[in-house]
Amino acid sequence: MSKLASLRQALQENPNIVIVDTKEKNYLPNRFGYWSQTVNFFVAPKFGLYTQKELQTLLVSLTPNLKPTDRDNFFELGHIIEFGKLYFDEVIGVETARHKIVITDKELPLSEEFVNGKLVTDRQQQLWRRSWVQLFPNIQIAMEARKGLNEYCIDKKILAKYR
């Protein structure tokens, strides 16, 4: 089972949260930077949590049998709470690229790697998927975040209005 399938199953079976949305982007055959695919889960507790400590505790318990590759913790910075995320990276394939050089100038000195003026090399590169889980204080904030509002952080005064 892929890490993505295990992650999806762990989130679906977690009785404390709701998956509000999932955004999947496939960048193959032309990768977007390092990632061939990205999957973003927008999740929220079934019943809102409104402190950094409560949210952090839930974040680290979201996938008890699946260890994240990395994590951004919930963080308070003045009047702002920055939202936490779990990252899950996995290899999903291999790309092989063939590179061929043909030299037609007979006077050009060539290294021993060339045979009859030709050099052919194959280069392999792993294809990676990054899945991440963004945890939001409640379902409404998660729904707004998927539209770009308070996607990464929220002012504590605004957060207090949701209680």
N, C-alpha and C. Protein backbone atom coordinates (compact mmCIF):
# COMPACT_ATOMS: atom_id res chain seq x y z
N MET A 1 0.86 -1.18 0.00
CA MET A 1 0.00 0.00 0.00
C MET A 1 0.90 1.24 0.00
N SER A 2 0.56 2.21 -0.80
CA SER A 2 1.34 3.44 -0.86
C SER A 2 1.18 4.23 0.44
N LYS A 3 2.10 5.15 0.65
CA LYS A 3 2.00 6.01 1.83
C LYS A 3 0.75 6.88 1.74
N LEU A 4 0.41 7.32 0.51
CA LEU A 4 -0.79 8.12 0.33
C LEU A 4 -2.04 7.32 0.71
N ALA A 5 -2.13 6.09 0.28
CA ALA A 5 -3.29 5.25 0.61
C ALA A 5 -3.37 5.03 2.12
N SER A 6 -2.22 4.79 2.75
CA SER A 6 -2.19 4.61 4.21
C SER A 6 -2.60 5.89 4.92
N LEU A 7 -2.14 7.02 4.41
CA LEU A 7 -2.49 8.31 5.01
C LEU A 7 -3.99 8.58 4.87
N ARG A 8 -4.51 8.37 3.69
CA ARG A 8 -5.94 8.60 3.45
C ARG A 8 -6.78 7.72 4.39
N GLN A 9 -6.39 6.46 4.52
CA GLN A 9 -7.11 5.53 5.39
C GLN A 9 -7.03 5.98 6.85
N ALA A 10 -5.83 6.38 7.30
CA ALA A 10 -5.66 6.83 8.69
C ALA A 10 -6.54 8.04 8.99
N LEU A 11 -6.61 8.97 8.06
CA LEU A 11 -7.43 10.17 8.27
C LEU A 11 -8.92 9.82 8.25
N GLN A 12 -9.33 8.97 7.33
CA GLN A 12 -10.74 8.58 7.24
C GLN A 12 -11.19 7.82 8.49
N GLU A 13 -10.29 7.06 9.09
CA GLU A 13 -10.64 6.26 10.27
C GLU A 13 -10.49 7.01 11.58
N ASN A 14 -9.93 8.22 11.54
CA ASN A 14 -9.73 8.99 12.76
C ASN A 14 -11.08 9.58 13.20
N PRO A 15 -11.60 9.17 14.35
CA PRO A 15 -12.93 9.62 14.78
C PRO A 15 -12.97 11.07 15.26
N ASN A 16 -11.81 11.69 15.41
CA ASN A 16 -11.76 13.04 15.97
C ASN A 16 -11.76 14.14 14.92
N ILE A 17 -11.66 13.78 13.64
CA ILE A 17 -11.52 14.81 12.61
C ILE A 17 -12.48 14.57 11.45
N VAL A 18 -12.59 15.60 10.62
CA VAL A 18 -13.34 15.57 9.37
C VAL A 18 -12.38 15.98 8.26
N ILE A 19 -12.37 15.25 7.15
CA ILE A 19 -11.62 15.68 5.97
C ILE A 19 -12.54 16.63 5.21
N VAL A 20 -12.19 17.89 5.20
CA VAL A 20 -13.04 18.91 4.58
C VAL A 20 -12.84 18.94 3.07
N ASP A 21 -11.60 18.72 2.63
CA ASP A 21 -11.31 18.75 1.20
C ASP A 21 -9.96 18.09 0.97
N THR A 22 -9.75 17.66 -0.26
CA THR A 22 -8.45 17.13 -0.69
C THR A 22 -8.16 17.73 -2.05
N LYS A 23 -7.01 18.36 -2.18
CA LYS A 23 -6.59 18.92 -3.47
C LYS A 23 -5.40 18.11 -3.97
N GLU A 24 -5.58 17.49 -5.13
CA GLU A 24 -4.52 16.68 -5.72
C GLU A 24 -4.09 17.32 -7.03
N LYS A 25 -2.76 17.41 -7.22
CA LYS A 25 -2.22 17.94 -8.47
C LYS A 25 -1.17 16.98 -8.99
N ASN A 26 -1.32 16.61 -10.26
CA ASN A 26 -0.37 15.74 -10.93
C ASN A 26 0.45 16.61 -11.88
N TYR A 27 1.77 16.61 -11.71
CA TYR A 27 2.64 17.45 -12.53
C TYR A 27 3.38 16.65 -13.60
N LEU A 28 2.96 15.42 -13.83
CA LEU A 28 3.61 14.60 -14.85
C LEU A 28 2.97 14.86 -16.21
N PRO A 29 3.68 14.86 -17.29
CA PRO A 29 5.07 14.47 -17.39
C PRO A 29 6.06 15.58 -17.02
N ASN A 30 5.61 16.81 -16.92
CA ASN A 30 6.50 17.92 -16.57
C ASN A 30 6.36 18.22 -15.10
N ARG A 31 7.39 17.90 -14.33
CA ARG A 31 7.31 18.08 -12.87
C ARG A 31 7.30 19.55 -12.50
N PHE A 32 6.68 19.81 -11.36
CA PHE A 32 6.68 21.13 -10.75
C PHE A 32 7.80 21.13 -9.72
N GLY A 33 8.96 21.64 -10.11
CA GLY A 33 10.09 21.59 -9.20
C GLY A 33 10.43 20.16 -8.88
N TYR A 34 10.43 19.82 -7.63
CA TYR A 34 10.85 18.51 -7.16
C TYR A 34 9.73 17.48 -7.20
N TRP A 35 8.48 17.92 -7.12
CA TRP A 35 7.36 17.01 -6.91
C TRP A 35 6.68 16.64 -8.22
N SER A 36 6.37 15.36 -8.36
CA SER A 36 5.60 14.87 -9.50
C SER A 36 4.10 14.91 -9.21
N GLN A 37 3.75 14.82 -7.95
CA GLN A 37 2.37 14.92 -7.52
C GLN A 37 2.35 15.52 -6.12
N THR A 38 1.33 16.33 -5.86
CA THR A 38 1.10 16.84 -4.50
C THR A 38 -0.36 16.55 -4.12
N VAL A 39 -0.54 16.24 -2.84
CA VAL A 39 -1.88 15.97 -2.31
C VAL A 39 -2.00 16.72 -0.99
N ASN A 40 -3.00 17.59 -0.91
CA ASN A 40 -3.18 18.43 0.27
C ASN A 40 -4.53 18.10 0.92
N PHE A 41 -4.45 17.58 2.14
CA PHE A 41 -5.67 17.28 2.91
C PHE A 41 -5.97 18.45 3.83
N PHE A 42 -7.19 18.98 3.74
CA PHE A 42 -7.67 20.01 4.65
C PHE A 42 -8.52 19.29 5.69
N VAL A 43 -8.06 19.26 6.94
CA VAL A 43 -8.80 18.55 7.98
C VAL A 43 -9.08 19.49 9.15
N ALA A 44 -10.11 19.12 9.90
CA ALA A 44 -10.50 19.91 11.08
C ALA A 44 -11.05 18.96 12.13
N PRO A 45 -10.94 19.35 13.40
CA PRO A 45 -11.57 18.54 14.45
C PRO A 45 -13.09 18.57 14.28
N LYS A 46 -13.75 17.48 14.67
CA LYS A 46 -15.21 17.44 14.58
C LYS A 46 -15.83 18.55 15.41
N PHE A 47 -15.21 18.81 16.55
CA PHE A 47 -15.66 19.91 17.42
C PHE A 47 -14.46 20.83 17.58
N GLY A 48 -14.64 22.11 17.29
CA GLY A 48 -13.54 23.06 17.21
C GLY A 48 -12.57 23.04 18.38
N LEU A 49 -11.31 23.30 18.05
CA LEU A 49 -10.25 23.50 19.04
C LEU A 49 -9.65 24.87 18.76
N TYR A 50 -9.36 25.63 19.81
CA TYR A 50 -9.03 27.03 19.57
C TYR A 50 -7.74 27.51 20.22
N THR A 51 -6.98 26.60 20.82
CA THR A 51 -5.70 27.02 21.38
C THR A 51 -4.57 26.30 20.66
N GLN A 52 -3.42 26.90 20.68
CA GLN A 52 -2.24 26.33 20.04
C GLN A 52 -1.94 24.96 20.64
N LYS A 53 -2.05 24.84 21.94
CA LYS A 53 -1.74 23.58 22.62
C LYS A 53 -2.71 22.46 22.22
N GLU A 54 -4.01 22.75 22.20
CA GLU A 54 -5.01 21.74 21.81
C GLU A 54 -4.79 21.28 20.37
N LEU A 55 -4.55 22.24 19.49
CA LEU A 55 -4.36 21.93 18.07
C LEU A 55 -3.07 21.12 17.85
N GLN A 56 -2.01 21.49 18.56
CA GLN A 56 -0.75 20.76 18.43
C GLN A 56 -0.90 19.31 18.91
N THR A 57 -1.60 19.13 20.00
CA THR A 57 -1.83 17.78 20.53
C THR A 57 -2.58 16.93 19.51
N LEU A 58 -3.61 17.50 18.89
CA LEU A 58 -4.35 16.76 17.88
C LEU A 58 -3.48 16.48 16.65
N LEU A 59 -2.72 17.47 16.23
CA LEU A 59 -1.86 17.31 15.04
C LEU A 59 -0.95 16.09 15.17
N VAL A 60 -0.26 15.97 16.28
CA VAL A 60 0.71 14.88 16.43
C VAL A 60 0.03 13.52 16.63
N SER A 61 -1.28 13.53 16.86
CA SER A 61 -2.00 12.26 17.05
C SER A 61 -2.79 11.84 15.81
N LEU A 62 -2.73 12.60 14.75
CA LEU A 62 -3.58 12.34 13.58
C LEU A 62 -3.30 11.00 12.91
N THR A 63 -2.04 10.62 12.81
CA THR A 63 -1.67 9.38 12.10
C THR A 63 -0.76 8.55 13.00
N PRO A 64 -1.31 7.90 14.02
CA PRO A 64 -0.48 7.22 15.01
C PRO A 64 0.41 6.11 14.45
N ASN A 65 0.00 5.46 13.38
CA ASN A 65 0.79 4.35 12.82
C ASN A 65 1.54 4.74 11.56
N LEU A 66 1.58 6.02 11.25
CA LEU A 66 2.26 6.50 10.05
C LEU A 66 3.10 7.71 10.41
N LYS A 67 4.40 7.55 10.32
CA LYS A 67 5.31 8.62 10.72
C LYS A 67 5.50 9.63 9.59
N PRO A 68 5.27 10.91 9.88
CA PRO A 68 5.47 11.92 8.84
C PRO A 68 6.96 12.11 8.52
N THR A 69 7.21 12.56 7.30
CA THR A 69 8.57 12.90 6.87
C THR A 69 9.03 14.16 7.60
N ASP A 70 8.10 15.08 7.79
CA ASP A 70 8.41 16.36 8.44
C ASP A 70 7.12 16.92 9.02
N ARG A 71 7.28 17.99 9.79
CA ARG A 71 6.11 18.58 10.45
C ARG A 71 6.36 20.05 10.69
N ASP A 72 5.33 20.87 10.49
CA ASP A 72 5.32 22.26 10.93
C ASP A 72 4.39 22.30 12.13
N ASN A 73 4.88 22.73 13.26
CA ASN A 73 4.08 22.79 14.48
C ASN A 73 3.19 24.02 14.48
N PHE A 74 2.09 23.95 15.24
CA PHE A 74 1.30 25.14 15.51
C PHE A 74 2.17 26.08 16.31
N PHE A 75 2.09 27.36 16.00
CA PHE A 75 3.03 28.31 16.59
C PHE A 75 2.31 29.63 16.83
N GLU A 76 2.47 30.15 18.02
CA GLU A 76 1.91 31.47 18.33
C GLU A 76 2.98 32.52 18.14
N LEU A 77 2.63 33.54 17.40
CA LEU A 77 3.55 34.65 17.14
C LEU A 77 2.76 35.94 17.36
N GLY A 78 2.89 36.49 18.56
CA GLY A 78 2.13 37.69 18.90
C GLY A 78 0.64 37.39 18.89
N HIS A 79 -0.09 38.09 18.03
CA HIS A 79 -1.55 37.91 17.96
C HIS A 79 -1.97 36.90 16.88
N ILE A 80 -1.01 36.15 16.34
CA ILE A 80 -1.27 35.20 15.25
C ILE A 80 -1.00 33.77 15.71
N ILE A 81 -1.82 32.84 15.24
CA ILE A 81 -1.51 31.41 15.39
C ILE A 81 -1.23 30.87 13.99
N GLU A 82 -0.03 30.36 13.81
CA GLU A 82 0.32 29.71 12.54
C GLU A 82 -0.12 28.26 12.61
N PHE A 83 -0.75 27.79 11.54
CA PHE A 83 -1.29 26.43 11.52
C PHE A 83 -0.20 25.39 11.29
N GLY A 84 -0.41 24.22 11.86
CA GLY A 84 0.53 23.12 11.71
C GLY A 84 0.18 22.22 10.53
N LYS A 85 1.20 21.47 10.08
CA LYS A 85 1.05 20.55 8.96
C LYS A 85 1.89 19.32 9.20
N LEU A 86 1.46 18.21 8.65
CA LEU A 86 2.25 16.99 8.58
C LEU A 86 2.58 16.74 7.11
N TYR A 87 3.83 16.36 6.84
CA TYR A 87 4.28 16.08 5.47
C TYR A 87 4.62 14.60 5.33
N PHE A 88 4.22 14.02 4.22
CA PHE A 88 4.50 12.62 3.93
C PHE A 88 5.04 12.53 2.50
N ASP A 89 6.31 12.15 2.37
CA ASP A 89 6.96 12.07 1.07
C ASP A 89 7.20 10.61 0.70
N GLU A 90 7.07 10.29 -0.59
CA GLU A 90 7.32 8.92 -1.04
C GLU A 90 7.70 8.92 -2.52
N VAL A 91 8.50 7.92 -2.87
CA VAL A 91 8.87 7.70 -4.27
C VAL A 91 7.70 7.01 -4.95
N ILE A 92 7.31 7.53 -6.13
CA ILE A 92 6.17 6.96 -6.85
C ILE A 92 6.57 6.42 -8.23
N GLY A 93 7.85 6.49 -8.56
CA GLY A 93 8.29 5.98 -9.86
C GLY A 93 9.70 6.44 -10.17
N VAL A 94 10.11 6.14 -11.38
CA VAL A 94 11.45 6.50 -11.85
C VAL A 94 11.33 7.04 -13.27
N GLU A 95 12.04 8.11 -13.52
CA GLU A 95 12.14 8.67 -14.87
C GLU A 95 13.52 8.34 -15.41
N THR A 96 13.57 7.81 -16.62
CA THR A 96 14.84 7.54 -17.27
C THR A 96 14.94 8.44 -18.50
N ALA A 97 16.02 9.19 -18.58
CA ALA A 97 16.24 10.09 -19.71
C ALA A 97 17.50 9.64 -20.45
N ARG A 98 17.38 9.51 -21.74
CA ARG A 98 18.52 9.12 -22.58
C ARG A 98 19.09 10.38 -23.21
N HIS A 99 20.40 10.49 -23.12
CA HIS A 99 21.12 11.66 -23.64
C HIS A 99 22.10 11.15 -24.69
N LYS A 100 22.03 11.70 -25.90
CA LYS A 100 22.89 11.24 -26.99
C LYS A 100 23.65 12.42 -27.58
N ILE A 101 24.95 12.26 -27.68
CA ILE A 101 25.81 13.28 -28.30
C ILE A 101 26.46 12.65 -29.52
N VAL A 102 26.35 13.34 -30.66
CA VAL A 102 27.00 12.88 -31.89
C VAL A 102 27.91 14.01 -32.37
N ILE A 103 29.20 13.71 -32.47
CA ILE A 103 30.19 14.69 -32.92
C ILE A 103 30.49 14.40 -34.40
N THR A 104 30.35 15.42 -35.22
CA THR A 104 30.61 15.25 -36.65
C THR A 104 31.98 15.80 -37.07
N ASP A 105 32.59 16.59 -36.21
CA ASP A 105 33.91 17.16 -36.51
C ASP A 105 34.97 16.11 -36.21
N LYS A 106 35.61 15.58 -37.24
CA LYS A 106 36.61 14.51 -37.08
C LYS A 106 37.89 15.00 -36.42
N GLU A 107 38.13 16.31 -36.40
CA GLU A 107 39.36 16.85 -35.82
C GLU A 107 39.24 17.10 -34.31
N LEU A 108 38.04 17.04 -33.78
CA LEU A 108 37.83 17.31 -32.36
C LEU A 108 38.32 16.14 -31.53
N PRO A 109 39.27 16.39 -30.63
CA PRO A 109 39.73 15.29 -29.77
C PRO A 109 38.61 14.91 -28.78
N LEU A 110 38.36 13.62 -28.69
CA LEU A 110 37.27 13.14 -27.83
C LEU A 110 37.82 12.25 -26.73
N SER A 111 37.11 12.21 -25.63
CA SER A 111 37.49 11.32 -24.54
C SER A 111 37.19 9.88 -24.94
N GLU A 112 37.71 8.95 -24.17
CA GLU A 112 37.51 7.53 -24.48
C GLU A 112 36.06 7.08 -24.30
N GLU A 113 35.24 7.91 -23.69
CA GLU A 113 33.82 7.57 -23.52
C GLU A 113 33.07 7.57 -24.85
N PHE A 114 33.59 8.32 -25.83
CA PHE A 114 32.97 8.38 -27.14
C PHE A 114 33.38 7.17 -27.97
N VAL A 115 32.40 6.60 -28.66
CA VAL A 115 32.66 5.48 -29.57
C VAL A 115 32.17 5.92 -30.94
N ASN A 116 33.11 5.98 -31.90
CA ASN A 116 32.77 6.43 -33.26
C ASN A 116 32.07 7.79 -33.26
N GLY A 117 32.55 8.69 -32.38
CA GLY A 117 32.00 10.05 -32.31
C GLY A 117 30.67 10.15 -31.59
N LYS A 118 30.26 9.08 -30.91
CA LYS A 118 28.95 9.08 -30.23
C LYS A 118 29.11 8.76 -28.74
N LEU A 119 28.27 9.40 -27.97
CA LEU A 119 28.20 9.11 -26.54
C LEU A 119 26.73 9.06 -26.16
N VAL A 120 26.32 7.95 -25.57
CA VAL A 120 24.93 7.77 -25.13
C VAL A 120 24.95 7.47 -23.63
N THR A 121 24.19 8.24 -22.89
CA THR A 121 24.09 8.00 -21.44
C THR A 121 22.61 7.97 -21.04
N ASP A 122 22.33 7.19 -20.03
CA ASP A 122 21.00 7.15 -19.43
C ASP A 122 21.09 7.72 -18.03
N ARG A 123 20.13 8.56 -17.69
CA ARG A 123 20.09 9.15 -16.35
C ARG A 123 18.74 8.80 -15.74
N GLN A 124 18.78 8.30 -14.52
CA GLN A 124 17.54 7.97 -13.82
C GLN A 124 17.33 8.93 -12.66
N GLN A 125 16.07 9.26 -12.48
CA GLN A 125 15.70 10.16 -11.38
C GLN A 125 14.41 9.65 -10.76
N GLN A 126 14.38 9.64 -9.45
CA GLN A 126 13.17 9.20 -8.77
C GLN A 126 12.07 10.26 -8.90
N LEU A 127 10.85 9.79 -8.98
CA LEU A 127 9.68 10.67 -9.00
C LEU A 127 9.07 10.64 -7.61
N TRP A 128 8.79 11.83 -7.07
CA TRP A 128 8.34 11.95 -5.68
C TRP A 128 6.94 12.54 -5.59
N ARG A 129 6.21 12.05 -4.59
CA ARG A 129 4.91 12.62 -4.23
C ARG A 129 5.05 13.21 -2.82
N ARG A 130 4.49 14.39 -2.65
CA ARG A 130 4.37 14.97 -1.32
C ARG A 130 2.90 15.10 -0.98
N SER A 131 2.53 14.50 0.13
CA SER A 131 1.18 14.65 0.68
C SER A 131 1.33 15.42 1.98
N TRP A 132 0.42 16.32 2.23
CA TRP A 132 0.46 17.00 3.52
C TRP A 132 -0.93 17.14 4.08
N VAL A 133 -0.96 17.21 5.39
CA VAL A 133 -2.21 17.33 6.13
C VAL A 133 -2.17 18.68 6.83
N GLN A 134 -3.10 19.55 6.47
CA GLN A 134 -3.23 20.84 7.13
C GLN A 134 -4.39 20.74 8.11
N LEU A 135 -4.10 21.00 9.36
CA LEU A 135 -5.13 20.96 10.40
C LEU A 135 -5.58 22.38 10.73
N PHE A 136 -6.89 22.57 10.74
CA PHE A 136 -7.48 23.88 11.02
C PHE A 136 -8.32 23.79 12.30
N PRO A 137 -8.57 24.92 12.97
CA PRO A 137 -9.29 24.90 14.25
C PRO A 137 -10.71 24.37 14.18
N ASN A 138 -11.40 24.58 13.06
CA ASN A 138 -12.76 24.05 12.92
C ASN A 138 -13.09 23.87 11.44
N ILE A 139 -14.24 23.29 11.18
CA ILE A 139 -14.63 22.96 9.81
C ILE A 139 -14.81 24.23 8.97
N GLN A 140 -15.41 25.25 9.53
CA GLN A 140 -15.65 26.48 8.77
C GLN A 140 -14.33 27.14 8.35
N ILE A 141 -13.37 27.20 9.25
CA ILE A 141 -12.08 27.79 8.92
C ILE A 141 -11.38 26.97 7.83
N ALA A 142 -11.50 25.64 7.90
CA ALA A 142 -10.91 24.77 6.87
C ALA A 142 -11.58 25.02 5.52
N MET A 143 -12.90 25.20 5.51
CA MET A 143 -13.61 25.46 4.26
C MET A 143 -13.19 26.81 3.66
N GLU A 144 -12.97 27.78 4.51
CA GLU A 144 -12.51 29.08 4.03
C GLU A 144 -11.05 29.01 3.55
N ALA A 145 -10.24 28.21 4.23
CA ALA A 145 -8.83 28.08 3.87
C ALA A 145 -8.65 27.47 2.48
N ARG A 146 -9.51 26.53 2.12
CA ARG A 146 -9.38 25.93 0.79
C ARG A 146 -9.68 26.93 -0.30
N LYS A 147 -10.30 28.06 0.07
CA LYS A 147 -10.54 29.16 -0.87
C LYS A 147 -9.49 30.26 -0.74
N GLY A 148 -8.48 30.03 0.15
CA GLY A 148 -7.38 30.97 0.29
C GLY A 148 -7.47 31.92 1.46
N LEU A 149 -8.52 31.85 2.27
CA LEU A 149 -8.69 32.75 3.42
C LEU A 149 -8.14 32.08 4.67
N ASN A 150 -7.23 32.74 5.36
CA ASN A 150 -6.61 32.20 6.58
C ASN A 150 -6.06 30.78 6.33
N GLU A 151 -5.36 30.60 5.23
CA GLU A 151 -4.87 29.28 4.86
C GLU A 151 -3.67 28.84 5.70
N TYR A 152 -2.85 29.77 6.14
CA TYR A 152 -1.63 29.43 6.86
C TYR A 152 -1.61 29.88 8.31
N CYS A 153 -2.43 30.86 8.63
CA CYS A 153 -2.46 31.39 9.99
C CYS A 153 -3.77 32.15 10.20
N ILE A 154 -4.00 32.51 11.46
CA ILE A 154 -5.21 33.27 11.77
C ILE A 154 -4.93 34.19 12.95
N ASP A 155 -5.53 35.34 12.91
CA ASP A 155 -5.44 36.29 14.02
C ASP A 155 -6.27 35.74 15.18
N LYS A 156 -5.74 35.84 16.40
CA LYS A 156 -6.46 35.30 17.56
C LYS A 156 -7.79 35.99 17.79
N LYS A 157 -7.91 37.26 17.43
CA LYS A 157 -9.20 37.95 17.58
C LYS A 157 -10.25 37.37 16.62
N ILE A 158 -9.83 37.04 15.43
CA ILE A 158 -10.75 36.42 14.46
C ILE A 158 -11.10 35.01 14.93
N LEU A 159 -10.10 34.30 15.43
CA LEU A 159 -10.32 32.94 15.92
C LEU A 159 -11.34 32.93 17.07
N ALA A 160 -11.26 33.91 17.94
CA ALA A 160 -12.18 33.98 19.09
C ALA A 160 -13.62 34.10 18.65
N LYS A 161 -13.89 34.67 17.49
CA LYS A 161 -15.26 34.82 16.99
C LYS A 161 -15.89 33.49 16.59
N TYR A 162 -15.08 32.49 16.35
CA TYR A 162 -15.58 31.18 15.93
C TYR A 162 -15.99 30.29 17.11
N ARG A 163 -15.61 30.66 18.31
CA ARG A 163 -15.90 29.82 19.48
C ARG A 163 -17.38 29.72 19.76
